[in-house]
C-alpha cells in the first residue's frame, strides 16, 4: 500500500513520475531527431533541427495526456480553434510592444541609434517574413519544453508559484552558455520565464505564450537589429543598430535582454499579465480541461 501511495494519488500516477516519463520520452525523441537532422546536407540555421525538436517536445506530452490523463492533445495548449489566430496576433503584439518599449528607451536616451546598411526593400520584406517563421518555430520549441507538459504537470502537483519559479530558473539556465551572458542577462531571462509562464497560465494557450516569445525575439532581431540572447544570426537589410551607451543599460553584445532597459520592459510585462482583465481561458480550452485547471481559477476570455 505504501509503495502504491508513493506512485499513485487517487488512482492516477503522481505528477513527478509523469514528468520523469515525459523527460525520458523527450530525450529519446530528441536524440533520434538530432540524428535525423545530422543527415541533412545543408541546414545552416537549423530549420530541420528546430522542426524535429518541436515534435520531440510535443509528442510525448500529447501521448501522456491521452494515455495517463484522459485528455485530448489540444489540452496541452495548441488547440485548433477560432480563437487561435487571435491569440497568435495578440501575443506577437504583446511581445513586440514590450521589447519595442525597451528598444525605444535605448534610442530616446541616445544609447543606441540606427545606421544605413546594404539591402533592398524586397529583401527587407522577405527577411521580415522568413525570420517571423523562424522565430515562431524556435519559440514553439522552447514553449513546448518549458511551458508544456512537464510544467503543467508540475503546476498540477505543486501549484503555480513553485512551478513558475522552477521552470523560469531552468529556462535561464538553458541560456547560460550563450555568448556574452552575465548576471543581468541571467536575471532578465529568469524574468522572461516568469512572463511567458504567466502568458500561458492566464490563457492556458501555448499559441499565446509562443507568440509573445516569438514577437519579442522577432521585433528585437528583425525590426530593431539587436542581438537575441547574445546571438547575431539575423542580418536585417537596409539598416543596422549601433549601441553607444553603458553596457548595464543597453546589454552590449548580448542585446537588450542583458540591460536594465530590458529589465524595465520585462517587469512591466509581468505586472500587466498578472493584473490585466483582458486575458482568460477560452471556452474551447476550458472544455478540454488543461491539467492546470485543477489548481487555478478558471477565468473567461
Protein backbone atom coordinates (compact mmCIF):
# COMPACT_ATOMS: atom_id res chain seq x y z
CA UNK A 1 0.00 0.00 0.00
CA UNK A 2 2.84 2.41 0.86
CA UNK A 3 4.56 1.77 -2.47
CA UNK A 4 1.33 2.32 -4.34
CA UNK A 5 0.70 5.61 -2.47
CA UNK A 6 4.20 6.72 -3.46
CA UNK A 7 3.37 6.14 -7.13
CA UNK A 8 -0.31 6.98 -7.33
CA UNK A 9 -2.71 9.59 -5.99
CA UNK A 10 -6.42 8.74 -6.26
CA UNK A 11 -5.58 6.08 -8.81
CA UNK A 12 -3.55 8.44 -11.03
CA UNK A 13 0.22 8.38 -11.48
CA UNK A 14 1.70 11.22 -9.46
CA UNK A 15 2.88 14.35 -11.24
CA UNK A 16 6.56 13.71 -10.51
CA UNK A 17 6.52 10.31 -12.19
CA UNK A 18 4.62 11.67 -15.18
CA UNK A 19 7.27 14.39 -15.53
CA UNK A 20 10.00 11.73 -15.43
CA UNK A 21 8.20 9.78 -18.15
CA UNK A 22 7.85 12.92 -20.25
CA UNK A 23 11.53 13.78 -19.92
CA UNK A 24 12.60 10.23 -20.83
CA UNK A 25 10.44 10.25 -23.97
CA UNK A 26 11.58 13.77 -24.85
CA UNK A 27 15.24 12.79 -24.52
CA UNK A 28 14.73 9.67 -26.64
CA UNK A 29 12.94 11.56 -29.41
CA UNK A 30 15.44 14.44 -29.23
CA UNK A 31 18.34 12.06 -29.80
CA UNK A 32 16.53 10.48 -32.73
CA UNK A 33 15.75 13.95 -34.07
CA UNK A 34 19.35 15.10 -33.81
CA UNK A 35 20.45 12.05 -35.76
CA UNK A 36 17.86 12.86 -38.42
CA UNK A 37 18.97 16.49 -38.57
CA UNK A 38 22.60 15.40 -38.95
CA UNK A 39 21.66 13.69 -42.22
CA UNK A 40 20.51 17.00 -43.70
CA UNK A 41 23.30 18.16 -46.04
CA UNK A 42 22.75 21.92 -45.78
CA UNK A 43 20.78 23.48 -42.95
CA UNK A 44 22.84 26.44 -41.68
CA UNK A 45 20.08 27.93 -39.50
CA UNK A 46 18.91 24.56 -38.19
CA UNK A 47 15.37 24.51 -39.63
CA UNK A 48 15.25 20.71 -39.63
CA UNK A 49 16.65 20.53 -36.12
CA UNK A 50 14.04 23.00 -34.90
CA UNK A 51 11.19 21.11 -36.56
CA UNK A 52 12.18 17.74 -35.10
CA UNK A 53 12.82 19.44 -31.75
CA UNK A 54 9.27 20.80 -31.68
CA UNK A 55 7.96 17.31 -32.48
CA UNK A 56 10.15 15.76 -29.75
CA UNK A 57 8.80 18.25 -27.20
CA UNK A 58 5.13 17.98 -28.18
CA UNK A 59 4.55 14.30 -29.00
CA UNK A 60 5.38 12.91 -25.52
CA UNK A 61 3.09 15.49 -23.93
CA UNK A 62 0.24 14.56 -26.26
CA UNK A 63 0.76 10.83 -25.62
CA UNK A 64 0.79 11.24 -21.84
CA UNK A 65 -2.25 13.49 -21.89
CA UNK A 66 -4.15 10.82 -23.80
CA UNK A 67 -2.92 7.70 -22.01
CA UNK A 68 -2.42 8.88 -18.42
CA UNK A 69 -4.58 11.97 -18.04
CA UNK A 70 -7.60 11.08 -20.19
CA UNK A 71 -7.49 14.34 -22.14
CA UNK A 72 -7.33 15.33 -25.77
CA UNK A 73 -3.99 16.54 -27.21
CA UNK A 74 -5.37 20.08 -27.52
CA UNK A 75 -5.43 20.35 -23.72
CA UNK A 76 -1.66 20.88 -23.88
CA UNK A 77 -2.27 24.37 -25.27
CA UNK A 78 -2.03 24.15 -29.05
CA UNK A 79 -5.73 23.51 -29.65
CA UNK A 80 -7.10 24.34 -33.08
CA UNK A 81 -9.96 26.77 -32.60
CA UNK A 82 -11.37 30.02 -33.94
CA UNK A 83 -9.60 32.00 -31.22
CA UNK A 84 -6.12 30.59 -32.00
CA UNK A 85 -5.33 33.15 -34.76
CA UNK A 86 -6.45 35.95 -32.45
CA UNK A 87 -4.23 34.60 -29.67
CA UNK A 88 -1.27 34.47 -32.04
CA UNK A 89 -1.76 38.04 -33.24
CA UNK A 90 -2.31 39.31 -29.71
CA UNK A 91 0.78 37.50 -28.46
CA UNK A 92 3.00 38.89 -31.21
CA UNK A 93 1.66 42.33 -30.38
CA UNK A 94 2.34 41.97 -26.66
CA UNK A 95 5.85 40.58 -27.09
CA UNK A 96 6.70 43.12 -29.78
CA UNK A 97 5.36 46.04 -27.75
CA UNK A 98 7.39 45.07 -24.68
CA UNK A 99 10.75 44.77 -26.43
CA UNK A 100 9.80 47.80 -28.55
CA UNK A 101 9.44 49.72 -25.29
CA UNK A 102 12.93 48.62 -24.18
CA UNK A 103 14.41 49.44 -27.60
CA UNK A 104 12.68 52.80 -27.61
CA UNK A 105 14.22 53.60 -24.22
CA UNK A 106 17.68 52.93 -25.66
CA UNK A 107 17.04 55.12 -28.69
CA UNK A 108 15.49 58.10 -26.92
CA UNK A 109 18.27 58.12 -24.30
CA UNK A 110 20.88 58.15 -27.07
CA UNK A 111 22.26 54.77 -26.05
CA UNK A 112 21.55 53.28 -29.50
CA UNK A 113 20.97 54.64 -32.99
CA UNK A 114 20.32 53.33 -36.49
CA UNK A 115 22.86 53.47 -39.32
CA UNK A 116 22.34 52.68 -43.02
CA UNK A 117 23.19 49.21 -44.31
CA UNK A 118 23.07 47.41 -47.64
CA UNK A 119 19.94 45.72 -48.94
CA UNK A 120 16.75 46.27 -50.89
CA UNK A 121 13.13 46.88 -49.87
CA UNK A 122 12.14 43.48 -51.28
CA UNK A 123 14.95 41.82 -49.37
CA UNK A 124 13.80 43.60 -46.23
CA UNK A 125 10.22 42.36 -46.58
CA UNK A 126 11.38 38.82 -47.32
CA UNK A 127 13.68 38.97 -44.30
CA UNK A 128 10.81 40.01 -42.04
CA UNK A 129 8.70 37.12 -43.34
CA UNK A 130 11.18 34.27 -43.00
CA UNK A 131 12.53 35.45 -39.66
CA UNK A 132 9.00 35.62 -38.23
CA UNK A 133 8.54 31.97 -39.22
CA UNK A 134 11.95 31.05 -37.86
CA UNK A 135 11.45 32.76 -34.51
CA UNK A 136 7.95 31.28 -34.30
CA UNK A 137 9.32 27.76 -34.70
CA UNK A 138 12.13 28.40 -32.21
CA UNK A 139 9.65 29.83 -29.69
CA UNK A 140 7.29 26.87 -30.15
CA UNK A 141 10.15 24.53 -29.26
CA UNK A 142 11.10 26.40 -26.09
CA UNK A 143 7.49 26.85 -25.01
CA UNK A 144 6.74 23.16 -25.51
CA UNK A 145 9.78 22.29 -23.39
CA UNK A 146 9.45 24.90 -20.62
CA UNK A 147 5.71 25.62 -20.51
CA UNK A 148 4.42 22.33 -21.95
CA UNK A 149 3.53 19.03 -20.33
CA UNK A 150 6.24 18.93 -17.65
CA UNK A 151 5.43 22.45 -16.45
CA UNK A 152 1.70 21.82 -16.49
CA UNK A 153 2.06 18.58 -14.53
CA UNK A 154 4.26 20.44 -12.03
CA UNK A 155 1.54 23.08 -11.60
CA UNK A 156 -0.98 20.28 -11.04
CA UNK A 157 1.28 18.63 -8.47
CA UNK A 158 2.80 21.58 -6.57
CA UNK A 159 0.83 24.66 -7.56
CA UNK A 160 1.54 27.58 -9.86
CA UNK A 161 4.10 29.59 -7.85
CA UNK A 162 6.67 26.78 -7.33
CA UNK A 163 6.23 25.61 -10.92
CA UNK A 164 6.82 29.12 -12.29
CA UNK A 165 9.97 29.58 -10.19
CA UNK A 166 11.42 26.18 -11.12
CA UNK A 167 10.62 26.45 -14.82
CA UNK A 168 11.95 30.02 -15.02
CA UNK A 169 15.21 29.00 -13.33
CA UNK A 170 15.61 26.13 -15.79
CA UNK A 171 14.78 28.48 -18.67
CA UNK A 172 17.54 30.87 -17.55
CA UNK A 173 19.98 28.01 -17.03
CA UNK A 174 19.34 26.78 -20.57
CA UNK A 175 20.71 30.13 -21.84
CA UNK A 176 23.74 30.19 -19.52
CA UNK A 177 26.13 29.08 -22.27
CA UNK A 178 25.05 31.80 -24.72
CA UNK A 179 27.74 34.26 -25.84
CA UNK A 180 28.28 37.34 -23.62
CA UNK A 181 25.88 36.17 -20.91
CA UNK A 182 26.26 37.84 -17.50
CA UNK A 183 24.37 38.17 -14.22
CA UNK A 184 21.93 40.77 -15.56
CA UNK A 185 21.21 38.64 -18.62
CA UNK A 186 20.58 35.60 -16.41
CA UNK A 187 18.23 37.58 -14.16
CA UNK A 188 16.36 39.01 -17.15
CA UNK A 189 15.92 35.60 -18.76
CA UNK A 190 14.55 34.37 -15.43
CA UNK A 191 12.08 37.28 -15.58
CA UNK A 192 11.26 36.34 -19.17
CA UNK A 193 10.47 32.82 -17.94
CA UNK A 194 8.00 34.29 -15.43
CA UNK A 195 6.49 36.46 -18.17
CA UNK A 196 5.98 33.51 -20.50
CA UNK A 197 4.66 31.26 -17.73
CA UNK A 198 2.06 33.93 -16.92
CA UNK A 199 1.22 34.22 -20.61
CA UNK A 200 0.36 30.53 -20.59
CA UNK A 201 -1.33 30.39 -17.19
CA UNK A 202 -3.61 33.36 -17.87
CA UNK A 203 -4.85 31.86 -21.16
CA UNK A 204 -3.97 28.12 -20.99
CA UNK A 205 -2.85 28.74 -24.57
CA UNK A 206 0.61 27.83 -25.84
CA UNK A 207 -0.38 29.68 -29.02
CA UNK A 208 -0.40 32.89 -27.00
CA UNK A 209 2.76 32.15 -24.99
CA UNK A 210 4.63 31.12 -28.14
CA UNK A 211 3.50 34.26 -29.95
CA UNK A 212 4.62 36.51 -27.06
CA UNK A 213 8.01 34.77 -27.15
CA UNK A 214 8.30 34.97 -30.94
CA UNK A 215 7.05 38.56 -31.09
CA UNK A 216 9.70 39.64 -28.59
CA UNK A 217 12.58 37.93 -30.44
CA UNK A 218 11.41 38.90 -33.94
CA UNK A 219 10.93 42.55 -33.05
CA UNK A 220 14.28 42.69 -31.29
CA UNK A 221 16.27 41.00 -34.10
CA UNK A 222 14.40 41.78 -37.32
CA UNK A 223 12.87 45.21 -36.66
CA UNK A 224 15.50 46.72 -34.35
CA UNK A 225 18.51 44.63 -35.48
CA UNK A 226 19.68 43.83 -31.94
CA UNK A 227 21.31 40.52 -30.94
CA UNK A 228 18.94 37.94 -29.47
CA UNK A 229 20.32 36.50 -26.23
CA UNK A 230 23.86 37.07 -27.47
CA UNK A 231 23.22 35.55 -30.91
CA UNK A 232 23.52 37.56 -34.14
CA UNK A 233 22.29 35.11 -36.78
CA UNK A 234 19.99 37.72 -38.40
CA UNK A 235 21.30 40.48 -40.70
CA UNK A 236 18.47 42.95 -41.23
CA UNK A 237 18.68 44.62 -44.68
CA UNK A 238 18.71 48.42 -45.15
CA UNK A 239 19.82 49.40 -41.64
CA UNK A 240 21.71 48.29 -38.55
CA UNK A 241 21.75 49.50 -34.97
CA UNK A 242 24.78 50.73 -33.06
CA UNK A 243 24.93 50.77 -29.27
CA UNK A 244 26.87 53.62 -27.68
CA UNK A 245 25.53 53.65 -24.13
CA UNK A 246 26.68 51.92 -20.98
CA UNK A 247 26.57 48.11 -21.07
CA UNK A 248 24.44 47.97 -17.89
CA UNK A 249 21.76 49.95 -19.75
CA UNK A 250 22.00 48.56 -23.30
CA UNK A 251 23.03 44.96 -22.65
CA UNK A 252 26.01 45.41 -25.02
CA UNK A 253 26.80 42.37 -27.18
CA UNK A 254 24.13 40.20 -25.53
CA UNK A 255 21.38 42.60 -26.59
CA UNK A 256 18.70 44.43 -24.58
CA UNK A 257 17.96 41.31 -22.56
CA UNK A 258 21.20 41.95 -20.61
CA UNK A 259 20.46 45.61 -19.84
CA UNK A 260 18.26 47.48 -17.41
CA UNK A 261 16.14 48.79 -20.28
CA UNK A 262 15.17 45.17 -20.91
CA UNK A 263 14.56 44.67 -17.20
CA UNK A 264 12.07 47.55 -17.15
CA UNK A 265 10.17 46.08 -20.10
CA UNK A 266 10.03 42.63 -18.51
CA UNK A 267 8.81 43.97 -15.16
CA UNK A 268 6.11 45.98 -16.94
CA UNK A 269 5.08 42.86 -18.86
CA UNK A 270 4.94 40.65 -15.76
CA UNK A 271 2.82 43.18 -13.86
CA UNK A 272 0.46 43.67 -16.79
CA UNK A 273 0.00 39.94 -17.38
CA UNK A 274 -0.63 39.36 -13.68
CA UNK A 275 -3.24 42.12 -13.39
CA UNK A 276 -4.97 42.54 -16.75
CA UNK A 277 -8.60 41.54 -17.18
CA UNK A 278 -8.19 41.29 -20.95
CA UNK A 279 -6.91 37.71 -20.81
CA UNK A 280 -8.58 34.48 -19.82
CA UNK A 281 -9.17 30.87 -20.74
CA UNK A 282 -11.18 30.48 -23.95
CA UNK A 283 -14.37 28.36 -23.68
CA UNK A 284 -12.95 25.81 -26.13
CA UNK A 285 -9.84 25.35 -23.98
CA UNK A 286 -11.92 25.14 -20.80
CA UNK A 287 -13.84 22.20 -22.28
CA UNK A 288 -10.54 20.41 -22.94
CA UNK A 289 -9.70 20.60 -19.20
CA UNK A 290 -5.98 21.54 -19.09
CA UNK A 291 -4.06 19.99 -16.20
CA UNK A 292 -3.54 23.37 -14.56
CA UNK A 293 -7.28 23.95 -14.25
CA UNK A 294 -7.30 21.64 -11.22
CA UNK A 295 -5.12 24.13 -9.29
CA UNK A 296 -6.04 27.52 -10.75
CA UNK A 297 -9.22 29.58 -11.01
CA UNK A 298 -10.89 29.44 -14.40
CA UNK A 299 -11.20 32.87 -15.99
CA UNK A 300 -13.28 33.52 -19.08
CA UNK A 301 -11.70 35.22 -22.10
